[in-house]
Amino acid sequence: APGINYGIDFRGGVDAQIGVKPGANLDISVLRNAVEAKLPG
């Protein structure tokens, strides 16, 4: 308590890497909100 924050190596799941090309600036908060709305957690 609170417990170890296990990575994907130990708890299983999907790890995705997204590349944004130069000139197409993307704010992380916008991306986070968009992803979490469809993929909670």
Full PDB file with SEQRES, HELIX, SHEET, SSBOND, CRYST1, ORIGX, SCALE, CONECT and MASTER records, all heavy atoms in Angstrom:
SEQRES   1 A   41  ALA PRO GLY ILE ASN TYR GLY ILE ASP PHE ARG GLY GLY          
SEQRES   2 A   41  VAL ASP ALA GLN ILE GLY VAL LYS PRO GLY ALA ASN LEU          
SEQRES   3 A   41  ASP ILE SER VAL LEU ARG ASN ALA VAL GLU ALA LYS LEU          
SEQRES   4 A   41  PRO GLY                                                      
HELIX    1 AA1 ILE A    8  ARG A   11  1                                   4    
HELIX    2 AA2 ILE A   28  LYS A   38  1                                  11    
CRYST1    1.000    1.000    1.000  90.00  90.00  90.00 P 1           1          
ORIGX1      1.000000  0.000000  0.000000        0.00000                         
ORIGX2      0.000000  1.000000  0.000000        0.00000                         
ORIGX3      0.000000  0.000000  1.000000        0.00000                         
SCALE1      1.000000  0.000000  0.000000        0.00000                         
SCALE2      0.000000  1.000000  0.000000        0.00000                         
SCALE3      0.000000  0.000000  1.000000        0.00000                         
ATOM      1  N   ALA A   1       0.866  -1.186   0.000  1.00  0.00           N  
ATOM      2  CA  ALA A   1       0.000   0.000   0.000  1.00  0.00           C  
ATOM      3  C   ALA A   1       0.904   1.238   0.000  1.00  0.00           C  
ATOM      4  O   ALA A   1       1.599   1.474   0.989  1.00  0.00           O  
ATOM      5  CB  ALA A   1      -0.916   0.018   1.218  1.00  0.00           C  
ATOM      6  N   PRO A   2       0.971   1.992  -1.082  1.00  0.00           N  
ATOM      7  CA  PRO A   2       0.085   1.967  -2.262  1.00  0.00           C  
ATOM      8  C   PRO A   2       0.375   0.876  -3.278  1.00  0.00           C  
ATOM      9  O   PRO A   2      -0.423   0.622  -4.171  1.00  0.00           O  
ATOM     10  CB  PRO A   2       0.317   3.344  -2.873  1.00  0.00           C  
ATOM     11  CG  PRO A   2       1.716   3.692  -2.507  1.00  0.00           C  
ATOM     12  CD  PRO A   2       1.930   3.113  -1.129  1.00  0.00           C  
ATOM     13  N   GLY A   3       1.531   0.221  -3.189  1.00  0.00           N  
ATOM     14  CA  GLY A   3       1.844  -0.859  -4.111  1.00  0.00           C  
ATOM     15  C   GLY A   3       2.791  -0.445  -5.220  1.00  0.00           C  
ATOM     16  O   GLY A   3       2.964   0.728  -5.515  1.00  0.00           O  
ATOM     17  N   ILE A   4       3.402  -1.456  -5.826  1.00  0.00           N  
ATOM     18  CA  ILE A   4       4.374  -1.229  -6.898  1.00  0.00           C  
ATOM     19  C   ILE A   4       3.650  -0.953  -8.219  1.00  0.00           C  
ATOM     20  O   ILE A   4       2.664  -1.609  -8.549  1.00  0.00           O  
ATOM     21  CB  ILE A   4       5.293  -2.460  -7.058  1.00  0.00           C  
ATOM     22  CG1 ILE A   4       6.108  -2.667  -5.775  1.00  0.00           C  
ATOM     23  CG2 ILE A   4       6.225  -2.303  -8.248  1.00  0.00           C  
ATOM     24  CD1 ILE A   4       6.950  -3.934  -5.791  1.00  0.00           C  
ATOM     25  N   ASN A   5       4.164   0.012  -8.943  1.00  0.00           N  
ATOM     26  CA  ASN A   5       3.615   0.344 -10.258  1.00  0.00           C  
ATOM     27  C   ASN A   5       4.300  -0.542 -11.312  1.00  0.00           C  
ATOM     28  O   ASN A   5       5.282  -0.159 -11.936  1.00  0.00           O  
ATOM     29  CB  ASN A   5       3.863   1.828 -10.564  1.00  0.00           C  
ATOM     30  CG  ASN A   5       3.399   2.210 -11.965  1.00  0.00           C  
ATOM     31  OD1 ASN A   5       2.494   1.605 -12.514  1.00  0.00           O  
ATOM     32  ND2 ASN A   5       4.055   3.205 -12.545  1.00  0.00           N  
ATOM     33  N   TYR A   6       3.767  -1.750 -11.468  1.00  0.00           N  
ATOM     34  CA  TYR A   6       4.371  -2.696 -12.396  1.00  0.00           C  
ATOM     35  C   TYR A   6       4.217  -2.209 -13.834  1.00  0.00           C  
ATOM     36  O   TYR A   6       3.166  -1.714 -14.236  1.00  0.00           O  
ATOM     37  CB  TYR A   6       3.720  -4.073 -12.271  1.00  0.00           C  
ATOM     38  CG  TYR A   6       4.117  -4.817 -11.012  1.00  0.00           C  
ATOM     39  CD1 TYR A   6       3.210  -4.998  -9.969  1.00  0.00           C  
ATOM     40  CD2 TYR A   6       5.395  -5.340 -10.878  1.00  0.00           C  
ATOM     41  CE1 TYR A   6       3.570  -5.679  -8.824  1.00  0.00           C  
ATOM     42  CE2 TYR A   6       5.763  -6.017  -9.723  1.00  0.00           C  
ATOM     43  CZ  TYR A   6       4.848  -6.180  -8.704  1.00  0.00           C  
ATOM     44  OH  TYR A   6       5.213  -6.845  -7.565  1.00  0.00           O  
ATOM     45  N   GLY A   7       5.283  -2.383 -14.607  1.00  0.00           N  
ATOM     46  CA  GLY A   7       5.236  -2.028 -16.016  1.00  0.00           C  
ATOM     47  C   GLY A   7       4.557  -3.116 -16.827  1.00  0.00           C  
ATOM     48  O   GLY A   7       4.174  -4.167 -16.307  1.00  0.00           O  
ATOM     49  N   ILE A   8       4.454  -2.871 -18.103  1.00  0.00           N  
ATOM     50  CA  ILE A   8       3.786  -3.822 -18.980  1.00  0.00           C  
ATOM     51  C   ILE A   8       4.491  -5.173 -19.002  1.00  0.00           C  
ATOM     52  O   ILE A   8       3.871  -6.214 -19.246  1.00  0.00           O  
ATOM     53  CB  ILE A   8       3.680  -3.230 -20.408  1.00  0.00           C  
ATOM     54  CG1 ILE A   8       2.778  -4.096 -21.281  1.00  0.00           C  
ATOM     55  CG2 ILE A   8       5.047  -3.075 -21.033  1.00  0.00           C  
ATOM     56  CD1 ILE A   8       2.528  -3.510 -22.642  1.00  0.00           C  
ATOM     57  N   ASP A   9       5.802  -5.175 -18.718  1.00  0.00           N  
ATOM     58  CA  ASP A   9       6.560  -6.421 -18.700  1.00  0.00           C  
ATOM     59  C   ASP A   9       6.001  -7.402 -17.675  1.00  0.00           C  
ATOM     60  O   ASP A   9       6.069  -8.618 -17.868  1.00  0.00           O  
ATOM     61  CB  ASP A   9       8.035  -6.151 -18.361  1.00  0.00           C  
ATOM     62  CG  ASP A   9       8.693  -5.259 -19.389  1.00  0.00           C  
ATOM     63  OD1 ASP A   9       8.183  -5.209 -20.521  1.00  0.00           O  
ATOM     64  OD2 ASP A   9       9.692  -4.611 -19.061  1.00  0.00           O  
ATOM     65  N   PHE A  10       5.491  -6.855 -16.555  1.00  0.00           N  
ATOM     66  CA  PHE A  10       5.081  -7.701 -15.438  1.00  0.00           C  
ATOM     67  C   PHE A  10       3.571  -7.837 -15.274  1.00  0.00           C  
ATOM     68  O   PHE A  10       3.105  -8.782 -14.653  1.00  0.00           O  
ATOM     69  CB  PHE A  10       5.682  -7.168 -14.137  1.00  0.00           C  
ATOM     70  CG  PHE A  10       7.176  -7.209 -14.116  1.00  0.00           C  
ATOM     71  CD1 PHE A  10       7.917  -6.047 -13.941  1.00  0.00           C  
ATOM     72  CD2 PHE A  10       7.862  -8.393 -14.285  1.00  0.00           C  
ATOM     73  CE1 PHE A  10       9.297  -6.074 -13.932  1.00  0.00           C  
ATOM     74  CE2 PHE A  10       9.237  -8.440 -14.280  1.00  0.00           C  
ATOM     75  CZ  PHE A  10       9.962  -7.277 -14.097  1.00  0.00           C  
ATOM     76  N   ARG A  11       2.802  -6.907 -15.776  1.00  0.00           N  
ATOM     77  CA  ARG A  11       1.352  -7.017 -15.591  1.00  0.00           C  
ATOM     78  C   ARG A  11       0.618  -7.349 -16.883  1.00  0.00           C  
ATOM     79  O   ARG A  11      -0.575  -7.629 -16.879  1.00  0.00           O  
ATOM     80  CB  ARG A  11       0.781  -5.715 -15.015  1.00  0.00           C  
ATOM     81  CG  ARG A  11       1.036  -4.462 -15.807  1.00  0.00           C  
ATOM     82  CD  ARG A  11       0.523  -3.240 -15.061  1.00  0.00           C  
ATOM     83  NE  ARG A  11       0.981  -1.996 -15.656  1.00  0.00           N  
ATOM     84  CZ  ARG A  11       0.354  -1.365 -16.637  1.00  0.00           C  
ATOM     85  NH1 ARG A  11      -0.754  -1.858 -17.117  1.00  0.00           N  
ATOM     86  NH2 ARG A  11       0.832  -0.240 -17.112  1.00  0.00           N  
ATOM     87  N   GLY A  12       1.335  -7.363 -17.992  1.00  0.00           N  
ATOM     88  CA  GLY A  12       0.710  -7.675 -19.259  1.00  0.00           C  
ATOM     89  C   GLY A  12      -0.017  -6.477 -19.837  1.00  0.00           C  
ATOM     90  O   GLY A  12      -0.390  -5.551 -19.125  1.00  0.00           O  
ATOM     91  N   GLY A  13      -0.230  -6.490 -21.132  1.00  0.00           N  
ATOM     92  CA  GLY A  13      -0.924  -5.392 -21.786  1.00  0.00           C  
ATOM     93  C   GLY A  13      -0.285  -5.039 -23.115  1.00  0.00           C  
ATOM     94  O   GLY A  13       0.519  -5.804 -23.648  1.00  0.00           O  
ATOM     95  N   VAL A  14      -0.649  -3.876 -23.618  1.00  0.00           N  
ATOM     96  CA  VAL A  14      -0.166  -3.430 -24.921  1.00  0.00           C  
ATOM     97  C   VAL A  14       0.636  -2.146 -24.763  1.00  0.00           C  
ATOM     98  O   VAL A  14       0.242  -1.243 -24.029  1.00  0.00           O  
ATOM     99  CB  VAL A  14      -1.345  -3.202 -25.893  1.00  0.00           C  
ATOM    100  CG1 VAL A  14      -0.856  -2.648 -27.224  1.00  0.00           C  
ATOM    101  CG2 VAL A  14      -2.104  -4.503 -26.124  1.00  0.00           C  
ATOM    102  N   ASP A  15       1.746  -2.094 -25.464  1.00  0.00           N  
ATOM    103  CA  ASP A  15       2.636  -0.938 -25.438  1.00  0.00           C  
ATOM    104  C   ASP A  15       2.694  -0.369 -26.853  1.00  0.00           C  
ATOM    105  O   ASP A  15       3.150  -1.048 -27.772  1.00  0.00           O  
ATOM    106  CB  ASP A  15       4.028  -1.392 -24.985  1.00  0.00           C  
ATOM    107  CG  ASP A  15       4.811  -0.270 -24.361  1.00  0.00           C  
ATOM    108  OD1 ASP A  15       4.231   0.803 -24.155  1.00  0.00           O  
ATOM    109  OD2 ASP A  15       6.006  -0.472 -24.081  1.00  0.00           O  
ATOM    110  N   ALA A  16       2.209   0.860 -27.043  1.00  0.00           N  
ATOM    111  CA  ALA A  16       2.165   1.471 -28.372  1.00  0.00           C  
ATOM    112  C   ALA A  16       3.008   2.739 -28.401  1.00  0.00           C  
ATOM    113  O   ALA A  16       2.935   3.558 -27.482  1.00  0.00           O  
ATOM    114  CB  ALA A  16       0.722   1.799 -28.762  1.00  0.00           C  
ATOM    115  N   GLN A  17       3.820   2.883 -29.441  1.00  0.00           N  
ATOM    116  CA  GLN A  17       4.635   4.088 -29.609  1.00  0.00           C  
ATOM    117  C   GLN A  17       4.084   4.904 -30.776  1.00  0.00           C  
ATOM    118  O   GLN A  17       3.939   4.399 -31.888  1.00  0.00           O  
ATOM    119  CB  GLN A  17       6.094   3.731 -29.863  1.00  0.00           C  
ATOM    120  CG  GLN A  17       6.988   4.956 -30.006  1.00  0.00           C  
ATOM    121  CD  GLN A  17       8.448   4.580 -30.167  1.00  0.00           C  
ATOM    122  OE1 GLN A  17       8.927   3.641 -29.557  1.00  0.00           O  
ATOM    123  NE2 GLN A  17       9.151   5.330 -31.000  1.00  0.00           N  
ATOM    124  N   ILE A  18       3.778   6.174 -30.502  1.00  0.00           N  
ATOM    125  CA  ILE A  18       3.203   7.077 -31.498  1.00  0.00           C  
ATOM    126  C   ILE A  18       4.220   8.143 -31.866  1.00  0.00           C  
ATOM    127  O   ILE A  18       4.785   8.793 -30.981  1.00  0.00           O  
ATOM    128  CB  ILE A  18       1.923   7.741 -30.962  1.00  0.00           C  
ATOM    129  CG1 ILE A  18       0.885   6.678 -30.591  1.00  0.00           C  
ATOM    130  CG2 ILE A  18       1.354   8.721 -31.964  1.00  0.00           C  
ATOM    131  CD1 ILE A  18      -0.279   7.225 -29.796  1.00  0.00           C  
ATOM    132  N   GLY A  19       4.476   8.304 -33.145  1.00  0.00           N  
ATOM    133  CA  GLY A  19       5.388   9.335 -33.618  1.00  0.00           C  
ATOM    134  C   GLY A  19       4.623  10.465 -34.294  1.00  0.00           C  
ATOM    135  O   GLY A  19       3.756  10.206 -35.132  1.00  0.00           O  
ATOM    136  N   VAL A  20       4.907  11.697 -33.903  1.00  0.00           N  
ATOM    137  CA  VAL A  20       4.272  12.869 -34.498  1.00  0.00           C  
ATOM    138  C   VAL A  20       5.316  13.594 -35.340  1.00  0.00           C  
ATOM    139  O   VAL A  20       6.399  13.938 -34.851  1.00  0.00           O  
ATOM    140  CB  VAL A  20       3.699  13.813 -33.412  1.00  0.00           C  
ATOM    141  CG1 VAL A  20       3.045  15.031 -34.049  1.00  0.00           C  
ATOM    142  CG2 VAL A  20       2.695  13.065 -32.541  1.00  0.00           C  
ATOM    143  N   LYS A  21       5.011  13.822 -36.583  1.00  0.00           N  
ATOM    144  CA  LYS A  21       5.978  14.397 -37.509  1.00  0.00           C  
ATOM    145  C   LYS A  21       6.244  15.876 -37.215  1.00  0.00           C  
ATOM    146  O   LYS A  21       5.396  16.558 -36.630  1.00  0.00           O  
ATOM    147  CB  LYS A  21       5.472  14.229 -38.944  1.00  0.00           C  
ATOM    148  CG  LYS A  21       5.342  12.763 -39.346  1.00  0.00           C  
ATOM    149  CD  LYS A  21       4.863  12.599 -40.771  1.00  0.00           C  
ATOM    150  CE  LYS A  21       4.765  11.118 -41.124  1.00  0.00           C  
ATOM    151  NZ  LYS A  21       4.297  10.915 -42.511  1.00  0.00           N  
ATOM    152  N   PRO A  22       7.426  16.386 -37.605  1.00  0.00           N  
ATOM    153  CA  PRO A  22       7.760  17.800 -37.375  1.00  0.00           C  
ATOM    154  C   PRO A  22       6.711  18.729 -37.973  1.00  0.00           C  
ATOM    155  O   PRO A  22       6.222  18.509 -39.085  1.00  0.00           O  
ATOM    156  CB  PRO A  22       9.114  17.957 -38.085  1.00  0.00           C  
ATOM    157  CG  PRO A  22       9.689  16.581 -38.108  1.00  0.00           C  
ATOM    158  CD  PRO A  22       8.533  15.649 -38.244  1.00  0.00           C  
ATOM    159  N   GLY A  23       6.355  19.745 -37.212  1.00  0.00           N  
ATOM    160  CA  GLY A  23       5.374  20.711 -37.670  1.00  0.00           C  
ATOM    161  C   GLY A  23       3.964  20.406 -37.217  1.00  0.00           C  
ATOM    162  O   GLY A  23       3.098  21.284 -37.215  1.00  0.00           O  
ATOM    163  N   ALA A  24       3.734  19.168 -36.804  1.00  0.00           N  
ATOM    164  CA  ALA A  24       2.399  18.777 -36.320  1.00  0.00           C  
ATOM    165  C   ALA A  24       2.460  18.643 -34.806  1.00  0.00           C  
ATOM    166  O   ALA A  24       2.482  17.554 -34.252  1.00  0.00           O  
ATOM    167  CB  ALA A  24       1.962  17.471 -36.963  1.00  0.00           C  
ATOM    168  N   ASN A  25       2.523  19.744 -34.124  1.00  0.00           N  
ATOM    169  CA  ASN A  25       2.682  19.741 -32.678  1.00  0.00           C  
ATOM    170  C   ASN A  25       1.423  19.194 -31.996  1.00  0.00           C  
ATOM    171  O   ASN A  25       0.300  19.565 -32.336  1.00  0.00           O  
ATOM    172  CB  ASN A  25       2.971  21.159 -32.174  1.00  0.00           C  
ATOM    173  CG  ASN A  25       3.358  21.164 -30.709  1.00  0.00           C  
ATOM    174  OD1 ASN A  25       4.154  20.336 -30.278  1.00  0.00           O  
ATOM    175  ND2 ASN A  25       2.797  22.079 -29.954  1.00  0.00           N  
ATOM    176  N   LEU A  26       1.635  18.292 -31.019  1.00  0.00           N  
ATOM    177  CA  LEU A  26       0.517  17.682 -30.295  1.00  0.00           C  
ATOM    178  C   LEU A  26       0.773  17.809 -28.798  1.00  0.00           C  
ATOM    179  O   LEU A  26       1.817  17.367 -28.300  1.00  0.00           O  
ATOM    180  CB  LEU A  26       0.377  16.210 -30.678  1.00  0.00           C  
ATOM    181  CG  LEU A  26      -0.708  15.410 -29.950  1.00  0.00           C  
ATOM    182  CD1 LEU A  26      -2.098  15.983 -30.244  1.00  0.00           C  
ATOM    183  CD2 LEU A  26      -0.653  13.939 -30.361  1.00  0.00           C  
ATOM    184  N   ASP A  27      -0.164  18.416 -28.099  1.00  0.00           N  
ATOM    185  CA  ASP A  27      -0.044  18.576 -26.653  1.00  0.00           C  
ATOM    186  C   ASP A  27      -0.377  17.251 -25.968  1.00  0.00           C  
ATOM    187  O   ASP A  27      -1.368  16.603 -26.309  1.00  0.00           O  
ATOM    188  CB  ASP A  27      -0.990  19.670 -26.158  1.00  0.00           C  
ATOM    189  CG  ASP A  27      -0.766  19.972 -24.687  1.00  0.00           C  
ATOM    190  OD1 ASP A  27       0.163  20.739 -24.376  1.00  0.00           O  
ATOM    191  OD2 ASP A  27      -1.511  19.430 -23.857  1.00  0.00           O  
ATOM    192  N   ILE A  28       0.462  16.847 -25.003  1.00  0.00           N  
ATOM    193  CA  ILE A  28       0.272  15.545 -24.355  1.00  0.00           C  
ATOM    194  C   ILE A  28      -1.053  15.464 -23.604  1.00  0.00           C  
ATOM    195  O   ILE A  28      -1.669  14.402 -23.530  1.00  0.00           O  
ATOM    196  CB  ILE A  28       1.458  15.218 -23.410  1.00  0.00           C  
ATOM    197  CG1 ILE A  28       1.326  13.780 -22.889  1.00  0.00           C  
ATOM    198  CG2 ILE A  28       1.536  16.215 -22.270  1.00  0.00           C  
ATOM    199  CD1 ILE A  28       2.534  13.306 -22.110  1.00  0.00           C  
ATOM    200  N   SER A  29      -1.517  16.567 -23.029  1.00  0.00           N  
ATOM    201  CA  SER A  29      -2.791  16.540 -22.301  1.00  0.00           C  
ATOM    202  C   SER A  29      -3.956  16.266 -23.248  1.00  0.00           C  
ATOM    203  O   SER A  29      -4.907  15.558 -22.888  1.00  0.00           O  
ATOM    204  CB  SER A  29      -3.004  17.868 -21.567  1.00  0.00           C  
ATOM    205  OG  SER A  29      -3.052  18.950 -22.481  1.00  0.00           O  
ATOM    206  N   VAL A  30      -3.878  16.812 -24.465  1.00  0.00           N  
ATOM    207  CA  VAL A  30      -4.925  16.553 -25.462  1.00  0.00           C  
ATOM    208  C   VAL A  30      -4.921  15.076 -25.847  1.00  0.00           C  
ATOM    209  O   VAL A  30      -5.979  14.426 -25.938  1.00  0.00           O  
ATOM    210  CB  VAL A  30      -4.713  17.436 -26.708  1.00  0.00           C  
ATOM    211  CG1 VAL A  30      -5.715  17.075 -27.804  1.00  0.00           C  
ATOM    212  CG2 VAL A  30      -4.822  18.910 -26.344  1.00  0.00           C  
ATOM    213  N   LEU A  31      -3.712  14.537 -26.086  1.00  0.00           N  
ATOM    214  CA  LEU A  31      -3.593  13.123 -26.438  1.00  0.00           C  
ATOM    215  C   LEU A  31      -4.077  12.240 -25.295  1.00  0.00           C  
ATOM    216  O   LEU A  31      -4.811  11.263 -25.511  1.00  0.00           O  
ATOM    217  CB  LEU A  31      -2.141  12.798 -26.788  1.00  0.00           C  
ATOM    218  CG  LEU A  31      -1.817  11.327 -27.043  1.00  0.00           C  
ATOM    219  CD1 LEU A  31      -2.617  10.798 -28.227  1.00  0.00           C  
ATOM    220  CD2 LEU A  31      -0.322  11.129 -27.283  1.00  0.00           C  
ATOM    221  N   ARG A  32      -3.673  12.580 -24.075  1.00  0.00           N  
ATOM    222  CA  ARG A  32      -4.056  11.772 -22.918  1.00  0.00           C  
ATOM    223  C   ARG A  32      -5.580  11.744 -22.747  1.00  0.00           C  
ATOM    224  O   ARG A  32      -6.162  10.680 -22.507  1.00  0.00           O  
ATOM    225  CB  ARG A  32      -3.373  12.313 -21.658  1.00  0.00           C  
ATOM    226  CG  ARG A  32      -3.640  11.468 -20.421  1.00  0.00           C  
ATOM    227  CD  ARG A  32      -2.888  11.978 -19.205  1.00  0.00           C  
ATOM    228  NE  ARG A  32      -1.468  11.703 -19.301  1.00  0.00           N  
ATOM    229  CZ  ARG A  32      -0.515  12.621 -19.318  1.00  0.00           C  
ATOM    230  NH1 ARG A  32      -0.847  13.909 -19.264  1.00  0.00           N  
ATOM    231  NH2 ARG A  32       0.754  12.286 -19.372  1.00  0.00           N  
ATOM    232  N   ASN A  33      -6.202  12.893 -22.854  1.00  0.00           N  
ATOM    233  CA  ASN A  33      -7.661  12.954 -22.699  1.00  0.00           C  
ATOM    234  C   ASN A  33      -8.378  12.167 -23.792  1.00  0.00           C  
ATOM    235  O   ASN A  33      -9.361  11.475 -23.542  1.00  0.00           O  
ATOM    236  CB  ASN A  33      -8.134  14.412 -22.711  1.00  0.00           C  
ATOM    237  CG  ASN A  33      -7.669  15.186 -21.487  1.00  0.00           C  
ATOM    238  OD1 ASN A  33      -7.426  14.601 -20.434  1.00  0.00           O  
ATOM    239  ND2 ASN A  33      -7.528  16.490 -21.628  1.00  0.00           N  
ATOM    240  N   ALA A  34      -7.844  12.263 -25.024  1.00  0.00           N  
ATOM    241  CA  ALA A  34      -8.473  11.559 -26.139  1.00  0.00           C  
ATOM    242  C   ALA A  34      -8.355  10.046 -26.001  1.00  0.00           C  
ATOM    243  O   ALA A  34      -9.302   9.303 -26.275  1.00  0.00           O  
ATOM    244  CB  ALA A  34      -7.839  12.019 -27.456  1.00  0.00           C  
ATOM    245  N   VAL A  35      -7.182   9.595 -25.561  1.00  0.00           N  
ATOM    246  CA  VAL A  35      -6.961   8.149 -25.411  1.00  0.00           C  
ATOM    247  C   VAL A  35      -7.733   7.600 -24.216  1.00  0.00           C  
ATOM    248  O   VAL A  35      -8.387   6.554 -24.302  1.00  0.00           O  
ATOM    249  CB  VAL A  35      -5.452   7.850 -25.280  1.00  0.00           C  
ATOM    250  CG1 VAL A  35      -5.229   6.396 -24.896  1.00  0.00           C  
ATOM    251  CG2 VAL A  35      -4.734   8.165 -26.581  1.00  0.00           C  
ATOM    252  N   GLU A  36      -7.658   8.315 -23.072  1.00  0.00           N  
ATOM    253  CA  GLU A  36      -8.317   7.822 -21.862  1.00  0.00           C  
ATOM    254  C   GLU A  36      -9.837   7.800 -22.013  1.00  0.00           C  
ATOM    255  O   GLU A  36     -10.515   7.006 -21.350  1.00  0.00           O  
ATOM    256  CB  GLU A  36      -7.924   8.690 -20.670  1.00  0.00           C  
ATOM    257  CG  GLU A  36      -6.488   8.469 -20.221  1.00  0.00           C  
ATOM    258  CD  GLU A  36      -6.134   9.307 -19.010  1.00  0.00           C  
ATOM    259  OE1 GLU A  36      -6.919  10.216 -18.662  1.00  0.00           O  
ATOM    260  OE2 GLU A  36      -5.068   9.045 -18.410  1.00  0.00           O  
ATOM    261  N   ALA A  37     -10.386   8.653 -22.875  1.00  0.00           N  
ATOM    262  CA  ALA A  37     -11.835   8.643 -23.096  1.00  0.00           C  
ATOM    263  C   ALA A  37     -12.291   7.341 -23.746  1.00  0.00           C  
ATOM    264  O   ALA A  37     -13.410   6.865 -23.502  1.00  0.00           O  
ATOM    265  CB  ALA A  37     -12.229   9.823 -23.977  1.00  0.00           C  
ATOM    266  N   LYS A  38     -11.427   6.728 -24.541  1.00  0.00           N  
ATOM    267  CA  LYS A  38     -11.782   5.482 -25.216  1.00  0.00           C  
ATOM    268  C   LYS A  38     -11.098   4.267 -24.602  1.00  0.00           C  
ATOM    269  O   LYS A  38     -11.512   3.128 -24.838  1.00  0.00           O  
ATOM    270  CB  LYS A  38     -11.394   5.576 -26.695  1.00  0.00           C  
ATOM    271  CG  LYS A  38     -12.170   6.642 -27.468  1.00  0.00           C  
ATOM    272  CD  LYS A  38     -11.734   6.684 -28.907  1.00  0.00           C  
ATOM    273  CE  LYS A  38     -12.566   7.689 -29.715  1.00  0.00           C  
ATOM    274  NZ  LYS A  38     -13.973   7.264 -29.840  1.00  0.00           N  
ATOM    275  N   LEU A  39     -10.023   4.517 -23.825  1.00  0.00           N  
ATOM    276  CA  LEU A  39      -9.264   3.415 -23.230  1.00  0.00           C  
ATOM    277  C   LEU A  39      -8.957   3.750 -21.772  1.00  0.00           C  
ATOM    278  O   LEU A  39      -7.845   4.174 -21.444  1.00  0.00           O  
ATOM    279  CB  LEU A  39      -7.968   3.206 -24.020  1.00  0.00           C  
ATOM    280  CG  LEU A  39      -7.254   1.869 -23.879  1.00  0.00           C  
ATOM    281  CD1 LEU A  39      -8.149   0.739 -24.380  1.00  0.00           C  
ATOM    282  CD2 LEU A  39      -5.955   1.882 -24.665  1.00  0.00           C  
ATOM    283  N   PRO A  40      -9.943   3.593 -20.868  1.00  0.00           N  
ATOM    284  CA  PRO A  40      -9.747   3.963 -19.455  1.00  0.00           C  
ATOM    285  C   PRO A  40      -8.563   3.218 -18.829  1.00  0.00           C  
ATOM    286  O   PRO A  40      -8.363   2.029 -19.066  1.00  0.00           O  
ATOM    287  CB  PRO A  40     -11.069   3.526 -18.798  1.00  0.00           C  
ATOM    288  CG  PRO A  40     -12.060   3.522 -19.911  1.00  0.00           C  
ATOM    289  CD  PRO A  40     -11.293   3.092 -21.130  1.00  0.00           C  
ATOM    290  N   GLY A  41      -7.789   3.954 -18.038  1.00  0.00           N  
ATOM    291  CA  GLY A  41      -6.649   3.351 -17.355  1.00  0.00           C  
ATOM    292  C   GLY A  41      -5.361   3.375 -18.156  1.00  0.00           C  
ATOM    293  O   GLY A  41      -4.310   2.954 -17.658  1.00  0.00           O  
TER     294      GLY A  41                                                      
MASTER        0    0    0    2    0    0    0    6  293    1    0    4          
END                                                                             
